[in-house]
Amino acid sequence: MTSSQPPLHAAAGSARTHNRATRSVRATCVLAAVCAGLSASCGPRYERLDADIHRLVRDQSRRINIEADEPELPVRETPERSPSLFAERPPTTNPPAEELAFERAPEDRDVGQRLGMLIAESGGVEILRGVEGFDQSAFAGTEAVRLTLDDVFRISQERGREILSAEEGYLLSAISLLQTRHLWGPRLFGDIGAAISGDGDDGHFDHAVDLISTLRAARRLPYGGEVEARWIVNAADQLRETATEDYTQSSQIVLSANLPLLRGAGMVAREDLIQGERNLVYSARDFERFRRQYLVSIARDYFELLQTRASILNTLRQLESLREFHRGTVARVEAGRIDAFQRDITENQLRSAESSLQGQYESAVLQLKRFKVRIGLPLDEQVELVEGELPVPEPNAGVRDAVDAAMRLRLDLQNSRDQLEDQRRLVRIARDNLRPDLDLSASVGVPTDPDEDVGGLAPDIGETTYSVGVTMSLPLDRYNERLTLRGAQIGLERAERDHEQLLDDVVVNVSSALRNIELARFQLDLAERQVEINRRRLRGQRLQEDTIRPQDLVDTENALLDAENARDRARTNLRNAVLNYLLETDQLRVARDGTLRRLPGME
């Protein structure tokens, strides 16, 4: 009698198959959970990374005597949340003309009064804060940050956007080198894979689950090639009874190596590491060079602010003198002692001085606010500029000595020399790429006993396998490599010309910087004598005010103002010239806090 029920042993086999399938699926789920846990636990460890970056930057800075503080690394790990962070079409605010409004200024407005009000609201007189003899009532109740030259250096070093960007460039070079170094160190890899496969036969399918776990350790060799050690564990489970065992497990330890013998062998194999180490040196030099250029640039802006303030004070002095003289002229006109047109001459000069003063206030507003932005001060922060002498005397040096110092000390010149060597090395590497490939490969494998269905984790030395091979590739097609060589040769020619031009520019700039010091000193001495001459001339004319023509006194006032402004401009030029000379010869040194460090002999 035929029964529709399956045989007992078939039912039992089906149950065992179901149990094995369940076991395999659970094992796969466990492995997936372990992988997810490992992925979560292997997140970025910023403390260790930051310590490595800081240590590398600190060591490199010490090698070239950089006194700057270690650049700070950012603390934000993820971007801030924003509605448009992943938006394909971020919103745009651009209303049509119909939705905008424009209010016309009245034609009969007092332009001078409105301009003065706008300048006052923008802090136009802030530059005169703390000046002796200037009315300080406008600043009552507000505190100000006193800014000496050293204070400006410190603040700009801490907050200046330019110096922060330069620091970040230095950090990025260190990070790039750490990445390259890591590629040359031992690297560990762990792979876990699971696969389900099926094989059909007349509608009956044999299903199998394969689990493969691989642990690898690889390292690049110093002169080319790579060695790798692998531990492979393979487990397979048949989900349906067959004539053979349904579950097998084995493991194997494999050691392999691949060594180039011709192309790519030797020092050329270390090119990425060599260039990475050299790039960090270049970045360190560039960063220190930038700190010196930044100090000179900030000092130049500060001196120009002081010059602007001096120009305003000179105009205020002239304006007060003209007002006094204008009152006397009006009185003499009313008394009939002089013609009325003489009053018009002094009044016209008075209005011209007032207009000049308003223009200087407007320039001061813009100049001071840009200065605040540059050094990182808030725009609404009140400041008081403190006049002081440059703590660097004028140098006594000849052109030859100055040029020799620049050739020896200029950090950008040292970078140019070393980068020229980089180009020469690239030509050698391009020539090496024209050689044939001859690679030696070898591997040794120690598996578990292949006769055991469950081999465990114990390798069987008696089952060791090995292979050794040599592969040679003839240079039948090196067209692109030859083009690369020609490109490297052209790059070398260009680098040599650029280096020669930099050498010539250094000679020209250093000799010019030295001459500019003497020129500024000559102009300052001349302007000071002109100021004294015009002051004596003005005092003499004021004593003869009743008999002298107003135009003569107005001309003297203008000559005195021009001489005072020329004196202040020459003083600024002299300060800038001294700092520029130190920068051009790279004898300028910046302390850790960003201030100017005095050299022996400057005291």
Protein backbone atom coordinates (compact mmCIF):
# COMPACT_ATOMS: atom_id res chain seq x y z
CA MET A 1 0.00 0.00 0.00
CA THR A 2 1.29 3.35 -0.98
CA SER A 3 1.22 6.15 1.58
CA SER A 4 1.31 9.87 0.84
CA GLN A 5 3.28 10.52 4.00
CA PRO A 6 7.08 10.73 3.67
CA PRO A 7 9.20 7.95 5.20
CA LEU A 8 10.28 8.31 8.79
CA HIS A 9 13.97 8.70 7.95
CA ALA A 10 13.10 11.35 5.34
CA ALA A 11 11.14 13.31 7.93
CA ALA A 12 14.04 13.04 10.36
CA GLY A 13 16.44 14.20 7.65
CA SER A 14 14.16 17.09 6.88
CA ALA A 15 14.14 18.06 10.54
CA ARG A 16 17.94 17.87 10.70
CA THR A 17 18.16 19.97 7.55
CA HIS A 18 15.84 22.54 9.09
CA ASN A 19 17.92 22.61 12.29
CA ARG A 20 21.13 23.05 10.33
CA ALA A 21 19.55 25.80 8.27
CA THR A 22 18.41 27.53 11.43
CA ARG A 23 21.87 27.11 12.94
CA SER A 24 23.56 28.53 9.85
CA VAL A 25 21.18 31.48 9.64
CA ARG A 26 21.73 32.24 13.32
CA ALA A 27 25.48 31.99 12.85
CA THR A 28 25.24 34.42 9.96
CA CYS A 29 23.19 36.83 12.07
CA VAL A 30 25.69 36.59 14.92
CA LEU A 31 28.56 37.28 12.55
CA ALA A 32 26.68 40.28 11.15
CA ALA A 33 26.08 41.59 14.65
CA VAL A 34 29.76 41.13 15.52
CA CYS A 35 30.78 43.00 12.37
CA ALA A 36 28.41 45.83 13.24
CA GLY A 37 29.83 45.98 16.76
CA LEU A 38 33.38 46.03 15.47
CA SER A 39 32.47 48.77 13.02
CA ALA A 40 30.95 50.86 15.79
CA SER A 41 33.87 50.27 18.14
CA CYS A 42 36.42 51.08 15.44
CA GLY A 43 35.16 54.63 14.97
CA PRO A 44 37.58 57.55 14.74
CA ARG A 45 39.68 57.87 17.91
CA TYR A 46 40.41 61.55 17.72
CA GLU A 47 42.47 61.68 20.90
CA ARG A 48 45.10 59.32 19.53
CA LEU A 49 45.01 60.87 16.07
CA ASP A 50 45.35 64.38 17.46
CA ALA A 51 48.26 63.31 19.64
CA ASP A 52 50.05 61.84 16.62
CA ILE A 53 49.45 64.99 14.56
CA HIS A 54 50.60 67.30 17.35
CA ARG A 55 53.70 65.20 17.99
CA LEU A 56 54.65 65.24 14.30
CA VAL A 57 54.11 69.00 13.98
CA ARG A 58 55.98 69.68 17.23
CA ASP A 59 58.98 67.57 16.19
CA GLN A 60 59.13 69.16 12.74
CA SER A 61 58.83 72.68 14.19
CA ARG A 62 61.67 72.02 16.59
CA ARG A 63 63.91 70.83 13.76
CA ILE A 64 63.70 74.20 12.01
CA ASN A 65 63.38 76.33 15.18
CA ILE A 66 59.76 77.44 14.81
CA GLU A 67 58.65 79.05 18.06
CA ALA A 68 54.94 79.10 17.25
CA ASP A 69 52.43 77.33 19.46
CA GLU A 70 51.11 74.05 18.14
CA PRO A 71 48.15 74.68 15.83
CA GLU A 72 44.80 73.77 17.30
CA LEU A 73 42.77 71.00 15.69
CA PRO A 74 39.02 71.46 15.14
CA VAL A 75 36.74 69.87 17.73
CA ARG A 76 33.56 69.54 15.66
CA GLU A 77 33.06 65.96 14.49
CA THR A 78 29.98 66.35 12.30
CA PRO A 79 28.53 69.26 10.33
CA GLU A 80 25.93 71.36 12.05
CA ARG A 81 22.32 70.44 11.30
CA SER A 82 20.83 72.60 8.58
CA PRO A 83 17.60 72.30 6.58
CA SER A 84 19.56 72.80 3.36
CA LEU A 85 22.46 70.51 4.25
CA PHE A 86 21.40 67.82 1.78
CA ALA A 87 18.97 69.90 -0.26
CA GLU A 88 19.44 69.57 -4.01
CA ARG A 89 17.99 73.07 -4.48
CA PRO A 90 18.96 75.31 -1.57
CA PRO A 91 16.64 78.31 -1.10
CA THR A 92 17.56 81.64 -2.69
CA THR A 93 16.45 85.06 -1.49
CA ASN A 94 16.09 87.31 -4.54
CA PRO A 95 12.76 89.18 -4.51
CA PRO A 96 11.60 91.01 -7.67
CA ALA A 97 11.95 94.76 -7.99
CA GLU A 98 8.24 95.29 -7.20
CA GLU A 99 8.75 93.98 -3.67
CA LEU A 100 11.65 96.30 -2.91
CA ALA A 101 11.52 99.91 -1.72
CA PHE A 102 13.86 102.85 -2.15
CA GLU A 103 13.68 106.11 -0.22
CA ARG A 104 15.08 109.21 -1.84
CA ALA A 105 17.16 111.60 0.21
CA PRO A 106 15.72 115.11 0.50
CA GLU A 107 17.35 117.66 -1.76
CA ASP A 108 17.51 120.30 0.98
CA ARG A 109 19.30 118.10 3.52
CA ASP A 110 22.40 119.36 5.31
CA VAL A 111 24.94 117.11 3.60
CA GLY A 112 27.80 118.07 5.88
CA GLN A 113 25.79 117.45 9.02
CA ARG A 114 24.50 114.10 7.75
CA LEU A 115 28.00 113.01 6.73
CA GLY A 116 29.32 113.93 10.17
CA MET A 117 26.49 111.99 11.81
CA LEU A 118 27.18 108.88 9.71
CA ILE A 119 30.89 109.10 10.43
CA ALA A 120 30.23 109.50 14.15
CA GLU A 121 27.88 106.48 14.15
CA SER A 122 30.60 104.44 12.43
CA GLY A 123 33.21 105.39 15.02
CA GLY A 124 34.99 107.95 12.90
CA VAL A 125 36.66 109.66 15.87
CA GLU A 126 37.60 106.38 17.53
CA ILE A 127 41.05 106.60 16.01
CA LEU A 128 41.66 109.73 18.11
CA ARG A 129 40.79 108.03 21.37
CA GLY A 130 43.45 108.58 24.01
CA VAL A 131 45.17 111.38 22.04
CA GLU A 132 46.36 114.11 24.36
CA GLY A 133 44.51 117.39 23.80
CA PHE A 134 41.56 115.78 22.00
CA ASP A 135 38.10 115.98 23.58
CA GLN A 136 37.49 112.57 25.18
CA SER A 137 33.89 113.27 26.20
CA ALA A 138 32.64 111.34 23.17
CA PHE A 139 34.08 108.16 24.71
CA ALA A 140 32.66 108.62 28.21
CA GLY A 141 31.19 105.44 29.66
CA THR A 142 32.78 103.11 27.10
CA GLU A 143 35.85 100.98 27.63
CA ALA A 144 38.47 100.38 25.02
CA VAL A 145 41.14 97.80 24.28
CA ARG A 146 44.57 99.44 24.37
CA LEU A 147 46.57 98.37 21.36
CA THR A 148 50.31 98.67 21.39
CA LEU A 149 52.27 97.12 18.57
CA ASP A 150 52.99 94.01 20.66
CA ASP A 151 49.31 93.76 21.63
CA VAL A 152 48.36 93.80 17.96
CA PHE A 153 50.89 91.06 17.22
CA ARG A 154 49.51 88.86 20.01
CA ILE A 155 45.84 89.36 19.09
CA SER A 156 46.43 88.75 15.39
CA GLN A 157 48.42 85.59 16.20
CA GLU A 158 45.50 84.22 18.23
CA ARG A 159 42.53 85.36 16.16
CA GLY A 160 43.70 86.37 12.69
CA ARG A 161 41.99 84.34 10.00
CA GLU A 162 45.06 84.37 7.78
CA ILE A 163 47.35 82.86 10.40
CA LEU A 164 44.70 80.26 11.29
CA SER A 165 44.45 79.23 7.63
CA ALA A 166 48.25 78.94 7.46
CA GLU A 167 48.24 76.75 10.57
CA GLU A 168 45.62 74.50 9.02
CA GLY A 169 47.73 74.11 5.89
CA TYR A 170 50.60 72.98 8.11
CA LEU A 171 48.30 70.50 9.86
CA LEU A 172 47.01 69.11 6.56
CA SER A 173 50.59 68.39 5.48
CA ALA A 174 51.18 66.53 8.74
CA ILE A 175 47.99 64.52 8.28
CA SER A 176 49.00 63.62 4.72
CA LEU A 177 52.39 62.40 5.94
CA LEU A 178 50.81 60.31 8.71
CA GLN A 179 48.57 58.67 6.10
CA THR A 180 51.60 57.84 3.94
CA ARG A 181 53.58 56.53 6.91
CA HIS A 182 50.66 54.30 7.85
CA LEU A 183 50.72 52.76 4.38
CA TRP A 184 54.36 51.81 4.96
CA GLY A 185 53.74 50.28 8.37
CA PRO A 186 52.09 46.96 9.25
CA ARG A 187 48.41 47.02 8.36
CA LEU A 188 45.77 44.66 9.70
CA PHE A 189 42.62 43.64 7.85
CA GLY A 190 39.72 41.48 8.94
CA ASP A 191 37.08 40.23 6.50
CA ILE A 192 34.02 38.13 7.30
CA GLY A 193 31.85 36.96 4.43
CA ALA A 194 28.69 34.89 4.24
CA ALA A 195 27.09 33.46 1.09
CA ILE A 196 24.16 31.21 0.31
CA SER A 197 24.26 29.18 -2.92
CA GLY A 198 21.99 26.61 -4.56
CA ASP A 199 22.48 23.82 -7.10
CA GLY A 200 19.37 22.46 -8.85
CA ASP A 201 18.83 18.88 -10.09
CA ASP A 202 15.43 17.96 -11.59
CA GLY A 203 13.72 20.54 -9.45
CA HIS A 204 15.54 19.52 -6.27
CA PHE A 205 17.96 22.12 -4.95
CA ASP A 206 20.96 21.61 -2.74
CA HIS A 207 21.46 24.74 -0.66
CA ALA A 208 24.70 25.59 1.09
CA VAL A 209 25.90 28.33 3.41
CA ASP A 210 29.55 29.37 3.22
CA LEU A 211 31.21 31.45 5.93
CA ILE A 212 34.73 32.75 5.20
CA SER A 213 36.76 34.67 7.75
CA THR A 214 40.12 36.16 6.77
CA LEU A 215 42.61 37.94 9.02
CA ARG A 216 45.42 39.61 7.10
CA ALA A 217 48.60 41.50 8.00
CA ALA A 218 50.43 43.27 5.18
CA ARG A 219 53.51 45.46 4.99
CA ARG A 220 55.32 47.24 2.19
CA LEU A 221 59.02 46.50 1.88
CA PRO A 222 61.57 49.36 2.04
CA TYR A 223 62.84 48.88 -1.53
CA GLY A 224 59.71 47.72 -3.27
CA GLY A 225 57.22 44.90 -2.99
CA GLU A 226 54.98 43.69 -0.22
CA VAL A 227 54.70 40.78 2.19
CA GLU A 228 51.42 39.50 3.53
CA ALA A 229 50.32 36.92 6.11
CA ARG A 230 46.77 35.54 5.98
CA TRP A 231 44.76 33.29 8.23
CA ILE A 232 41.71 31.98 6.38
CA VAL A 233 38.89 30.06 8.04
CA ASN A 234 36.27 28.53 5.74
CA ALA A 235 33.07 26.84 6.96
CA ALA A 236 30.44 25.32 4.62
CA ASP A 237 27.12 23.77 5.61
CA GLN A 238 24.86 21.80 3.25
CA LEU A 239 21.24 22.54 4.01
CA ARG A 240 20.00 19.32 2.33
CA GLU A 241 21.20 15.74 2.86
CA THR A 242 23.57 14.41 0.20
CA ALA A 243 25.73 11.38 -0.01
CA THR A 244 28.61 13.23 1.63
CA GLU A 245 28.87 15.00 4.96
CA ASP A 246 26.81 18.12 5.12
CA TYR A 247 29.22 20.33 7.13
CA THR A 248 32.92 21.05 6.52
CA GLN A 249 35.34 23.49 8.16
CA SER A 250 38.99 24.22 7.43
CA SER A 251 41.60 26.90 8.01
CA GLN A 252 44.87 27.87 6.37
CA ILE A 253 47.86 30.10 7.11
CA VAL A 254 49.40 31.69 4.02
CA LEU A 255 52.59 33.75 3.76
CA SER A 256 53.18 35.52 0.43
CA ALA A 257 55.57 38.08 -1.01
CA ASN A 258 55.89 40.01 -4.24
CA LEU A 259 59.24 41.69 -5.01
CA PRO A 260 60.13 43.85 -8.04
CA LEU A 261 63.66 43.24 -9.32
CA LEU A 262 63.89 45.84 -12.10
CA ARG A 263 61.24 48.52 -12.60
CA GLY A 264 59.96 49.89 -9.30
CA ALA A 265 62.79 48.43 -7.23
CA GLY A 266 65.11 50.43 -5.00
CA MET A 267 64.66 53.98 -3.72
CA VAL A 268 62.05 54.79 -6.37
CA ALA A 269 59.66 52.53 -4.49
CA ARG A 270 59.82 54.93 -1.53
CA GLU A 271 58.93 58.00 -3.57
CA ASP A 272 55.59 58.68 -1.88
CA LEU A 273 57.18 58.45 1.57
CA ILE A 274 60.20 60.54 0.59
CA GLN A 275 58.03 63.22 -0.98
CA GLY A 276 55.63 63.20 1.97
CA GLU A 277 58.47 63.75 4.45
CA ARG A 278 59.92 66.53 2.32
CA ASN A 279 56.50 68.16 1.87
CA LEU A 280 56.15 68.45 5.63
CA VAL A 281 59.52 70.21 5.77
CA TYR A 282 58.34 72.58 3.03
CA SER A 283 55.11 73.24 4.91
CA ALA A 284 56.99 73.98 8.12
CA ARG A 285 59.23 76.45 6.30
CA ASP A 286 56.27 78.03 4.52
CA PHE A 287 54.43 78.39 7.81
CA GLU A 288 57.35 80.08 9.53
CA ARG A 289 57.95 82.30 6.51
CA PHE A 290 54.27 83.24 6.56
CA ARG A 291 54.44 84.13 10.25
CA ARG A 292 57.23 86.59 9.47
CA GLN A 293 55.42 88.04 6.47
CA TYR A 294 52.24 88.27 8.52
CA LEU A 295 53.99 90.16 11.30
CA VAL A 296 55.42 92.68 8.84
CA SER A 297 52.07 93.07 7.12
CA ILE A 298 50.21 93.61 10.40
CA ALA A 299 52.86 96.11 11.54
CA ARG A 300 52.48 97.95 8.23
CA ASP A 301 48.72 98.24 8.72
CA TYR A 302 49.24 99.46 12.30
CA PHE A 303 51.79 102.09 11.25
CA GLU A 304 49.44 103.30 8.53
CA LEU A 305 46.70 103.69 11.13
CA LEU A 306 49.06 105.79 13.22
CA GLN A 307 49.92 107.83 10.14
CA THR A 308 46.23 108.37 9.42
CA ARG A 309 45.72 109.57 12.96
CA ALA A 310 48.72 111.90 12.68
CA SER A 311 47.32 113.29 9.42
CA ILE A 312 43.98 113.98 11.11
CA LEU A 313 45.72 115.72 14.00
CA ASN A 314 47.73 117.82 11.55
CA THR A 315 44.53 118.86 9.79
CA LEU A 316 42.86 119.65 13.12
CA ARG A 317 45.82 121.84 14.05
CA GLN A 318 45.63 123.63 10.72
CA LEU A 319 41.86 123.99 11.01
CA GLU A 320 42.11 125.60 14.44
CA SER A 321 44.82 127.95 13.22
CA LEU A 322 42.77 128.89 10.14
CA ARG A 323 39.68 129.55 12.24
CA GLU A 324 41.60 131.87 14.47
CA PHE A 325 43.12 133.65 11.50
CA HIS A 326 39.70 133.82 9.78
CA ARG A 327 38.17 135.53 12.80
CA GLY A 328 40.94 138.12 12.74
CA THR A 329 40.50 138.63 8.99
CA VAL A 330 36.74 139.13 9.38
CA ALA A 331 37.38 141.72 12.09
CA ARG A 332 39.83 143.62 9.87
CA VAL A 333 37.40 143.54 6.95
CA GLU A 334 34.59 144.89 9.14
CA ALA A 335 36.93 147.62 10.37
CA GLY A 336 37.65 148.57 6.77
CA ARG A 337 41.35 147.88 7.05
CA ILE A 338 41.43 145.28 4.25
CA ASP A 339 39.28 144.42 1.27
CA ALA A 340 36.41 141.91 1.61
CA PHE A 341 37.91 139.45 -0.87
CA GLN A 342 40.67 138.77 1.66
CA ARG A 343 38.02 137.32 3.95
CA ASP A 344 36.85 135.08 1.11
CA ILE A 345 40.38 133.68 0.72
CA THR A 346 40.57 132.56 4.36
CA GLU A 347 36.98 131.30 4.34
CA ASN A 348 37.62 129.24 1.22
CA GLN A 349 40.73 127.68 2.79
CA LEU A 350 38.79 127.02 5.98
CA ARG A 351 36.06 125.16 4.09
CA SER A 352 38.70 123.19 2.18
CA ALA A 353 40.31 122.10 5.44
CA GLU A 354 36.94 121.05 6.85
CA SER A 355 36.21 119.00 3.73
CA SER A 356 39.62 117.38 3.94
CA LEU A 357 39.02 116.50 7.57
CA GLN A 358 35.70 114.80 6.79
CA GLY A 359 37.36 112.79 4.04
CA GLN A 360 40.13 111.74 6.40
CA TYR A 361 37.55 110.67 8.98
CA GLU A 362 35.80 108.54 6.36
CA SER A 363 39.08 106.89 5.34
CA ALA A 364 39.91 106.29 9.00
CA VAL A 365 36.56 104.56 9.59
CA LEU A 366 37.14 102.12 6.73
CA GLN A 367 40.81 101.61 7.56
CA LEU A 368 40.20 100.91 11.25
CA LYS A 369 37.32 98.52 10.62
CA ARG A 370 39.32 96.55 8.08
CA PHE A 371 42.16 96.39 10.57
CA LYS A 372 39.82 95.00 13.24
CA VAL A 373 38.51 92.39 10.83
CA ARG A 374 42.02 91.35 9.90
CA ILE A 375 43.34 90.85 13.42
CA GLY A 376 40.12 89.22 14.61
CA LEU A 377 38.59 91.94 16.78
CA PRO A 378 34.80 92.48 16.77
CA LEU A 379 33.74 95.49 14.74
CA ASP A 380 31.99 97.06 17.72
CA GLU A 381 35.05 96.67 19.96
CA GLN A 382 36.40 100.07 21.00
CA VAL A 383 40.17 100.39 20.62
CA GLU A 384 42.79 102.90 21.66
CA LEU A 385 45.92 103.04 19.57
CA VAL A 386 49.09 103.55 21.59
CA GLU A 387 51.97 105.28 19.83
CA GLY A 388 55.36 103.67 20.29
CA GLU A 389 58.73 103.41 18.70
CA LEU A 390 59.64 100.40 16.58
CA PRO A 391 61.78 98.14 18.79
CA VAL A 392 64.23 97.60 15.94
CA PRO A 393 67.03 100.08 15.13
CA GLU A 394 68.20 100.82 11.63
CA PRO A 395 70.77 98.25 10.44
CA ASN A 396 74.33 99.00 9.46
CA ALA A 397 74.96 96.50 6.67
CA GLY A 398 76.38 96.44 3.17
CA VAL A 399 74.65 95.04 0.13
CA ARG A 400 76.99 92.06 -0.16
CA ASP A 401 76.53 91.05 3.48
CA ALA A 402 72.77 91.45 3.22
CA VAL A 403 72.57 89.36 0.05
CA ASP A 404 74.80 86.66 1.55
CA ALA A 405 72.53 86.51 4.61
CA ALA A 406 69.45 86.18 2.42
CA MET A 407 71.01 83.42 0.31
CA ARG A 408 71.83 81.51 3.46
CA LEU A 409 68.68 82.15 5.52
CA ARG A 410 65.70 82.62 3.20
CA LEU A 411 63.32 79.75 3.90
CA ASP A 412 61.51 80.10 0.58
CA LEU A 413 64.88 79.92 -1.19
CA GLN A 414 65.69 76.72 0.67
CA ASN A 415 62.32 75.31 -0.41
CA SER A 416 63.08 76.25 -4.01
CA ARG A 417 66.46 74.48 -3.88
CA ASP A 418 64.96 71.32 -2.42
CA GLN A 419 62.00 71.33 -4.80
CA LEU A 420 64.48 71.55 -7.67
CA GLU A 421 65.95 68.30 -6.33
CA ASP A 422 62.42 66.87 -6.32
CA GLN A 423 62.17 67.57 -10.03
CA ARG A 424 65.51 65.87 -10.66
CA ARG A 425 64.29 62.86 -8.72
CA LEU A 426 61.09 62.75 -10.78
CA VAL A 427 63.20 62.53 -13.94
CA ARG A 428 65.05 59.52 -12.49
CA ILE A 429 61.77 57.88 -11.56
CA ALA A 430 60.41 58.49 -15.05
CA ARG A 431 63.52 56.83 -16.52
CA ASP A 432 63.04 53.88 -14.19
CA ASN A 433 59.52 53.41 -15.54
CA LEU A 434 60.98 52.68 -18.98
CA ARG A 435 62.69 49.52 -17.71
CA PRO A 436 61.13 46.03 -18.08
CA ASP A 437 59.19 44.44 -15.23
CA LEU A 438 60.81 41.50 -13.48
CA ASP A 439 58.83 40.41 -10.42
CA LEU A 440 59.54 37.60 -8.00
CA SER A 441 56.53 36.10 -6.21
CA ALA A 442 56.49 33.42 -3.54
CA SER A 443 53.92 31.96 -1.18
CA VAL A 444 53.77 29.28 1.51
CA GLY A 445 50.50 27.81 2.80
CA VAL A 446 49.92 25.62 5.83
CA PRO A 447 46.34 24.23 5.86
CA THR A 448 44.51 22.01 8.27
CA ASP A 449 44.19 18.29 7.46
CA PRO A 450 42.10 18.12 4.26
CA ASP A 451 40.88 14.62 5.22
CA GLU A 452 39.10 16.01 8.25
CA ASP A 453 35.62 17.43 7.73
CA VAL A 454 36.19 19.70 10.72
CA GLY A 455 39.80 20.75 10.63
CA GLY A 456 39.62 23.08 13.62
CA LEU A 457 42.22 25.79 14.02
CA ALA A 458 45.36 23.61 14.10
CA PRO A 459 47.42 23.74 10.86
CA ASP A 460 49.02 20.55 9.67
CA ILE A 461 52.69 21.16 8.80
CA GLY A 462 52.74 17.99 6.74
CA GLU A 463 50.24 19.48 4.29
CA THR A 464 52.40 22.55 3.56
CA THR A 465 52.27 23.92 0.02
CA TYR A 466 54.50 26.47 -1.63
CA SER A 467 55.02 28.25 -4.91
CA VAL A 468 57.79 30.45 -6.35
CA GLY A 469 57.56 32.28 -9.64
CA VAL A 470 59.24 34.91 -11.73
CA THR A 471 57.34 37.09 -14.17
CA MET A 472 59.00 39.26 -16.77
CA SER A 473 57.17 41.87 -18.81
CA LEU A 474 59.05 43.27 -21.77
CA PRO A 475 58.80 47.04 -22.41
CA LEU A 476 56.97 46.69 -25.70
CA ASP A 477 54.62 49.60 -24.99
CA ARG A 478 56.15 52.46 -23.02
CA TYR A 479 54.62 55.32 -25.00
CA ASN A 480 52.92 56.95 -22.02
CA GLU A 481 56.00 56.39 -19.88
CA ARG A 482 58.18 58.14 -22.46
CA LEU A 483 55.74 61.04 -22.52
CA THR A 484 55.94 61.18 -18.74
CA LEU A 485 59.72 61.34 -18.97
CA ARG A 486 59.57 64.22 -21.43
CA GLY A 487 57.13 66.01 -19.17
CA ALA A 488 59.44 65.52 -16.19
CA GLN A 489 62.39 66.87 -18.18
CA ILE A 490 60.38 69.94 -19.16
CA GLY A 491 59.33 70.38 -15.52
CA LEU A 492 62.98 70.25 -14.50
CA GLU A 493 63.93 72.93 -17.01
CA ARG A 494 61.10 75.13 -15.73
CA ALA A 495 62.06 74.53 -12.10
CA GLU A 496 65.67 75.53 -12.82
CA ARG A 497 64.53 78.76 -14.48
CA ASP A 498 62.16 79.54 -11.62
CA HIS A 499 64.92 78.95 -9.09
CA GLU A 500 67.32 81.20 -10.98
CA GLN A 501 64.67 83.90 -11.17
CA LEU A 502 64.04 83.63 -7.44
CA LEU A 503 67.76 84.03 -6.80
CA ASP A 504 67.84 87.17 -8.94
CA ASP A 505 64.69 88.52 -7.28
CA VAL A 506 66.22 88.00 -3.85
CA VAL A 507 69.32 89.96 -4.84
CA VAL A 508 67.22 92.81 -6.25
CA ASN A 509 64.77 92.92 -3.35
CA VAL A 510 67.43 92.79 -0.63
CA SER A 511 69.50 95.57 -2.16
CA SER A 512 66.32 97.62 -2.68
CA ALA A 513 65.22 97.03 0.92
CA LEU A 514 68.58 98.25 2.18
CA ARG A 515 68.45 101.38 0.02
CA ASN A 516 64.87 102.09 1.10
CA ILE A 517 66.00 102.38 4.72
CA GLU A 518 68.50 105.10 3.88
CA LEU A 519 66.03 106.79 1.53
CA ALA A 520 63.33 106.85 4.23
CA ARG A 521 65.83 108.20 6.78
CA PHE A 522 66.91 110.93 4.32
CA GLN A 523 63.27 111.86 3.61
CA LEU A 524 62.47 111.93 7.33
CA ASP A 525 65.37 114.22 8.15
CA LEU A 526 64.45 116.49 5.26
CA ALA A 527 60.77 116.59 6.24
CA GLU A 528 61.59 117.40 9.87
CA ARG A 529 63.71 120.34 8.73
CA GLN A 530 60.90 121.48 6.44
CA VAL A 531 58.45 121.32 9.32
CA GLU A 532 60.72 123.44 11.48
CA ILE A 533 61.27 125.96 8.66
CA ASN A 534 57.56 126.35 8.00
CA ARG A 535 56.78 126.66 11.70
CA ARG A 536 59.27 129.51 12.04
CA ARG A 537 57.85 131.08 8.90
CA LEU A 538 54.30 130.80 10.28
CA ARG A 539 55.28 132.28 13.64
CA GLY A 540 56.90 135.22 11.88
CA GLN A 541 53.84 135.83 9.73
CA ARG A 542 51.50 135.62 12.69
CA LEU A 543 53.52 138.37 14.36
CA GLN A 544 52.91 140.52 11.26
CA GLU A 545 49.29 139.44 10.82
CA ASP A 546 48.05 143.03 10.45
CA THR A 547 50.33 143.75 7.51
CA ILE A 548 50.69 140.41 5.76
CA ARG A 549 48.36 139.27 3.02
CA PRO A 550 45.97 136.45 4.04
CA GLN A 551 46.99 134.46 0.96
CA ASP A 552 50.60 134.38 2.16
CA LEU A 553 49.60 132.99 5.54
CA VAL A 554 47.26 130.44 3.91
CA ASP A 555 50.12 129.26 1.70
CA THR A 556 52.35 128.87 4.74
CA GLU A 557 49.66 126.87 6.53
CA ASN A 558 49.37 124.54 3.54
CA ALA A 559 53.15 124.20 3.31
CA LEU A 560 53.35 123.36 7.01
CA LEU A 561 50.57 120.77 6.68
CA ASP A 562 52.29 119.17 3.70
CA ALA A 563 55.58 119.07 5.58
CA GLU A 564 53.96 117.51 8.66
CA ASN A 565 52.23 114.87 6.57
CA ALA A 566 55.47 114.19 4.67
CA ARG A 567 57.30 113.80 8.00
CA ASP A 568 54.72 111.30 9.29
CA ARG A 569 54.74 109.42 6.01
CA ALA A 570 58.54 109.23 6.03
CA ARG A 571 58.47 107.94 9.62
CA THR A 572 56.04 105.21 8.57
CA ASN A 573 58.15 104.38 5.53
CA LEU A 574 61.26 104.10 7.70
CA ARG A 575 59.56 101.70 10.12
CA ASN A 576 58.27 99.59 7.27
CA ALA A 577 61.63 99.63 5.49
CA VAL A 578 63.47 98.30 8.55
CA LEU A 579 60.99 95.44 8.98
CA ASN A 580 60.99 94.73 5.25
CA TYR A 581 64.79 94.50 5.26
CA LEU A 582 64.68 91.95 8.06
CA LEU A 583 62.03 90.01 6.15
CA GLU A 584 63.88 90.09 2.82
CA THR A 585 67.04 88.75 4.48
CA ASP A 586 65.02 86.39 6.72
CA GLN A 587 66.68 87.76 9.83
CA LEU A 588 63.25 88.48 11.31
CA ARG A 589 62.28 86.23 14.21
CA VAL A 590 58.79 85.82 15.63
CA ALA A 591 58.35 84.76 19.26
CA ARG A 592 55.92 82.10 20.40
CA ASP A 593 53.23 84.69 21.23
CA GLY A 594 53.55 86.31 17.81
CA THR A 595 55.59 89.34 18.90
CA LEU A 596 58.84 90.50 17.36
CA ARG A 597 61.91 88.87 18.87
CA ARG A 598 64.94 91.12 19.16
CA LEU A 599 68.24 89.89 17.85
CA PRO A 600 71.56 90.34 19.67
CA GLY A 601 72.72 93.89 19.01
CA MET A 602 69.23 95.39 18.74
CA GLU A 603 69.08 96.46 22.39
